[in-house]
Amino acid sequence: MGVNETSPYQGSAQITREQFLFYEMRITARLMCEDIDETEVVERIVEDNLFQYPTEKTIRKMAKTCVQRLKTLGDNDLVDAIANKPSETAKQVCLYAMMKQYRLIWDFMITVIGEKFRTQNFSFGKKDVNVFFMQLQEQDDYVAGWSDKTIERIRQVMIKVLVENEYLDNNKSDHINPVWLNPLLENAIRSNNDDRALTAFNCFS
């Protein structure tokens, strides 16, 4: 891939700042369910410091990130699930939203985690993530330009996302837990023709 071509991974390094944001996504989703427009959602979060962040600039930035991420779902029922369903379901929908927002998370969840489920090979370690990044760097000049420090920080975010969604017991875990895909999310994924994403949630039916 040429340097001047747009990489599908542009913007992916932002996840080191933006992270999984479950608490923030839940708050934003609840406001969006009140049927107020996006600008007002952001203003309400900023004015009432609903994220409990130290600076207005950070709150505004993260509120906009959450709105964007929720919009990638393109599905009011899924936004409602993040707002109101039990946290296990809501987190799963948040993970799907993160996959939709960042091609890097999409590819990682399908080619690494989905493949583990498909082959029933539940071992997991730093090597799995390193191989994933090495292959990406060979294919994509943009990712090839990332420093080791950036990759390490992204890796830490990915591991935290897996722990948060109970794929891993903790950040030192050496095996992946089988997960169960909520039917609400399964139906939405199929409706969006995102069937490839099902493997990331251990769904092969």
Protein backbone atom coordinates (compact mmCIF):
# COMPACT_ATOMS: atom_id res chain seq x y z
CA MET A 1 0.00 0.00 0.00
CA GLY A 2 1.44 3.39 -0.98
CA VAL A 3 2.17 6.05 1.60
CA ASN A 4 -0.21 8.52 -0.07
CA GLU A 5 -3.18 6.20 -0.05
CA THR A 6 -5.57 6.59 2.85
CA SER A 7 -5.09 3.87 5.42
CA PRO A 8 -8.21 2.28 6.96
CA TYR A 9 -6.31 2.49 10.25
CA GLN A 10 -5.99 6.28 10.32
CA GLY A 11 -7.31 7.55 13.61
CA SER A 12 -6.96 4.14 15.25
CA ALA A 13 -4.12 5.29 17.51
CA GLN A 14 -6.67 7.61 19.17
CA ILE A 15 -7.94 4.63 21.15
CA THR A 16 -5.02 5.20 23.53
CA ARG A 17 -6.90 8.34 24.61
CA GLU A 18 -10.45 7.33 23.89
CA GLN A 19 -10.42 3.78 25.31
CA PHE A 20 -13.54 1.67 25.95
CA LEU A 21 -15.47 4.40 27.83
CA PHE A 22 -18.29 2.19 29.09
CA TYR A 23 -19.41 4.55 31.86
CA GLU A 24 -19.33 7.54 29.49
CA MET A 25 -21.10 5.64 26.69
CA ARG A 26 -23.92 4.68 29.05
CA ILE A 27 -24.45 8.30 30.13
CA THR A 28 -24.38 9.54 26.53
CA ALA A 29 -26.75 6.79 25.35
CA ARG A 30 -29.26 7.69 28.08
CA LEU A 31 -29.28 11.31 26.93
CA MET A 32 -29.61 10.28 23.28
CA CYS A 33 -32.64 8.18 24.24
CA GLU A 34 -34.30 11.40 25.48
CA ASP A 35 -34.53 12.42 21.85
CA ILE A 36 -32.44 15.57 22.13
CA ASP A 37 -30.05 16.49 19.35
CA GLU A 38 -26.35 15.66 19.44
CA THR A 39 -25.21 19.20 20.20
CA GLU A 40 -27.48 19.38 23.22
CA VAL A 41 -26.31 15.95 24.40
CA VAL A 42 -22.71 17.22 24.38
CA GLU A 43 -23.68 20.50 26.10
CA ARG A 44 -25.59 18.69 28.86
CA ILE A 45 -22.61 16.41 29.54
CA VAL A 46 -20.24 19.40 29.66
CA GLU A 47 -22.47 21.72 31.74
CA ASP A 48 -23.24 19.11 34.39
CA ASN A 49 -19.76 17.52 34.22
CA LEU A 50 -21.48 14.15 33.90
CA PHE A 51 -18.21 12.36 33.14
CA GLN A 52 -16.51 13.81 36.24
CA TYR A 53 -13.42 14.85 34.27
CA PRO A 54 -11.12 17.65 35.46
CA THR A 55 -11.32 19.91 32.37
CA GLU A 56 -14.14 21.08 30.13
CA LYS A 57 -11.99 20.49 27.04
CA THR A 58 -11.58 16.79 27.87
CA ILE A 59 -15.27 16.35 28.70
CA ARG A 60 -16.31 17.95 25.40
CA LYS A 61 -13.85 15.84 23.39
CA MET A 62 -14.95 12.58 25.01
CA ALA A 63 -18.64 13.46 24.79
CA LYS A 64 -18.22 13.98 21.04
CA THR A 65 -16.33 10.69 20.78
CA CYS A 66 -19.19 8.86 22.54
CA VAL A 67 -21.80 10.47 20.29
CA GLN A 68 -19.79 9.47 17.19
CA ARG A 69 -19.35 5.93 18.45
CA LEU A 70 -23.06 5.56 19.20
CA LYS A 71 -23.89 6.91 15.75
CA THR A 72 -21.76 4.22 14.08
CA LEU A 73 -24.30 1.70 15.39
CA GLY A 74 -27.03 3.26 13.24
CA ASP A 75 -29.60 1.50 15.43
CA ASN A 76 -31.74 3.11 18.17
CA ASP A 77 -32.42 -0.26 19.79
CA LEU A 78 -28.69 -0.78 20.33
CA VAL A 79 -28.29 2.74 21.76
CA ASP A 80 -31.20 1.93 24.09
CA ALA A 81 -29.46 -1.35 25.06
CA ILE A 82 -26.32 0.56 26.08
CA ALA A 83 -28.48 2.97 28.08
CA ASN A 84 -30.78 0.52 29.82
CA LYS A 85 -29.80 -3.15 29.55
CA PRO A 86 -27.74 -4.96 32.23
CA SER A 87 -24.07 -4.02 32.03
CA GLU A 88 -22.99 -7.35 30.50
CA THR A 89 -25.27 -6.78 27.48
CA ALA A 90 -24.53 -3.06 27.31
CA LYS A 91 -20.78 -3.70 27.32
CA GLN A 92 -21.10 -6.18 24.48
CA VAL A 93 -22.94 -3.58 22.39
CA CYS A 94 -20.24 -1.02 23.32
CA LEU A 95 -17.60 -3.43 22.05
CA TYR A 96 -19.44 -3.78 18.74
CA ALA A 97 -19.64 0.05 18.53
CA MET A 98 -15.90 0.26 19.15
CA MET A 99 -15.31 -2.32 16.41
CA LYS A 100 -17.46 -0.25 14.04
CA GLN A 101 -15.59 2.94 14.90
CA TYR A 102 -12.03 1.61 14.64
CA ARG A 103 -10.95 -0.72 11.86
CA LEU A 104 -8.05 -1.80 14.10
CA ILE A 105 -10.40 -3.17 16.79
CA TRP A 106 -12.60 -4.74 14.11
CA ASP A 107 -9.67 -6.62 12.58
CA PHE A 108 -8.19 -7.62 15.93
CA MET A 109 -11.47 -9.00 17.29
CA ILE A 110 -12.16 -10.99 14.11
CA THR A 111 -8.70 -12.18 13.00
CA VAL A 112 -7.25 -12.86 16.46
CA ILE A 113 -10.11 -13.45 18.91
CA GLY A 114 -12.63 -14.84 16.39
CA GLU A 115 -9.97 -17.18 15.05
CA LYS A 116 -9.24 -18.44 18.59
CA PHE A 117 -12.92 -19.30 19.00
CA ARG A 118 -13.15 -20.87 15.53
CA THR A 119 -10.17 -23.16 16.13
CA GLN A 120 -11.04 -23.75 19.81
CA ASN A 121 -7.54 -22.62 20.72
CA PHE A 122 -8.11 -20.60 23.88
CA SER A 123 -4.48 -19.88 24.73
CA PHE A 124 -3.67 -16.17 24.64
CA GLY A 125 -0.59 -14.07 25.23
CA LYS A 126 1.43 -11.04 24.23
CA LYS A 127 2.72 -13.00 21.25
CA ASP A 128 -0.77 -13.11 19.69
CA VAL A 129 -1.02 -9.32 19.76
CA ASN A 130 2.56 -8.86 18.55
CA VAL A 131 1.99 -11.13 15.54
CA PHE A 132 -1.20 -9.19 14.73
CA PHE A 133 0.72 -5.88 14.69
CA MET A 134 3.65 -7.33 12.75
CA GLN A 135 1.31 -8.51 10.00
CA LEU A 136 -0.47 -5.14 9.94
CA GLN A 137 2.82 -3.28 9.66
CA GLU A 138 3.81 -5.42 6.69
CA GLN A 139 0.52 -4.60 4.94
CA ASP A 140 0.02 -0.95 5.85
CA ASP A 141 2.57 1.88 5.67
CA TYR A 142 0.57 4.03 8.08
CA VAL A 143 0.67 1.38 10.82
CA ALA A 144 4.32 0.67 9.95
CA GLY A 145 5.04 4.28 11.01
CA TRP A 146 3.77 3.73 14.57
CA SER A 147 6.44 3.69 17.26
CA ASP A 148 6.91 0.70 19.58
CA LYS A 149 5.60 2.90 22.39
CA THR A 150 2.35 3.65 20.49
CA ILE A 151 1.83 -0.03 19.72
CA GLU A 152 2.43 -0.98 23.34
CA ARG A 153 -0.14 1.60 24.49
CA ILE A 154 -2.70 0.35 21.96
CA ARG A 155 -2.01 -3.23 23.06
CA GLN A 156 -2.75 -2.24 26.68
CA VAL A 157 -6.08 -0.71 25.62
CA MET A 158 -6.99 -3.86 23.67
CA ILE A 159 -6.22 -6.07 26.67
CA LYS A 160 -8.31 -3.79 28.93
CA VAL A 161 -11.23 -4.07 26.50
CA LEU A 162 -10.96 -7.88 26.61
CA VAL A 163 -10.88 -7.86 30.42
CA GLU A 164 -13.83 -5.44 30.60
CA ASN A 165 -15.87 -7.81 28.41
CA GLU A 166 -14.74 -10.92 30.33
CA TYR A 167 -12.83 -12.49 27.43
CA LEU A 168 -9.88 -12.39 29.84
CA ASP A 169 -10.02 -12.76 33.63
CA ASN A 170 -7.32 -10.12 34.06
CA ASN A 171 -4.54 -8.43 32.07
CA LYS A 172 -2.11 -11.26 32.86
CA SER A 173 -4.50 -14.02 31.80
CA ASP A 174 -3.07 -16.65 29.44
CA HIS A 175 -6.37 -17.98 28.07
CA ILE A 176 -9.56 -16.61 26.55
CA ASN A 177 -12.95 -17.35 28.07
CA PRO A 178 -15.77 -18.41 25.74
CA VAL A 179 -18.38 -15.63 25.57
CA TRP A 180 -22.10 -15.77 24.83
CA LEU A 181 -23.56 -13.35 22.27
CA ASN A 182 -26.78 -11.63 23.33
CA PRO A 183 -29.56 -12.35 20.77
CA LEU A 184 -30.41 -8.63 20.56
CA LEU A 185 -26.90 -7.85 19.34
CA GLU A 186 -26.71 -10.95 17.16
CA ASN A 187 -29.85 -9.88 15.27
CA ALA A 188 -28.53 -6.34 14.85
CA ILE A 189 -25.18 -7.60 13.51
CA ARG A 190 -26.98 -9.79 10.98
CA SER A 191 -29.32 -6.92 9.97
CA ASN A 192 -26.25 -4.73 9.34
CA ASN A 193 -24.72 -7.47 7.15
CA ASP A 194 -21.76 -7.48 9.54
CA ASP A 195 -21.83 -11.30 9.79
CA ARG A 196 -18.02 -11.44 9.88
CA ALA A 197 -18.20 -9.78 13.29
CA LEU A 198 -20.12 -12.72 14.78
CA THR A 199 -16.93 -14.77 15.18
CA ALA A 200 -15.58 -12.11 17.59
CA PHE A 201 -18.46 -13.02 19.89
CA ASN A 202 -18.01 -16.80 19.58
CA CYS A 203 -21.06 -17.13 17.33
CA PHE A 204 -20.82 -19.58 14.42
CA SER A 205 -24.42 -20.66 13.85
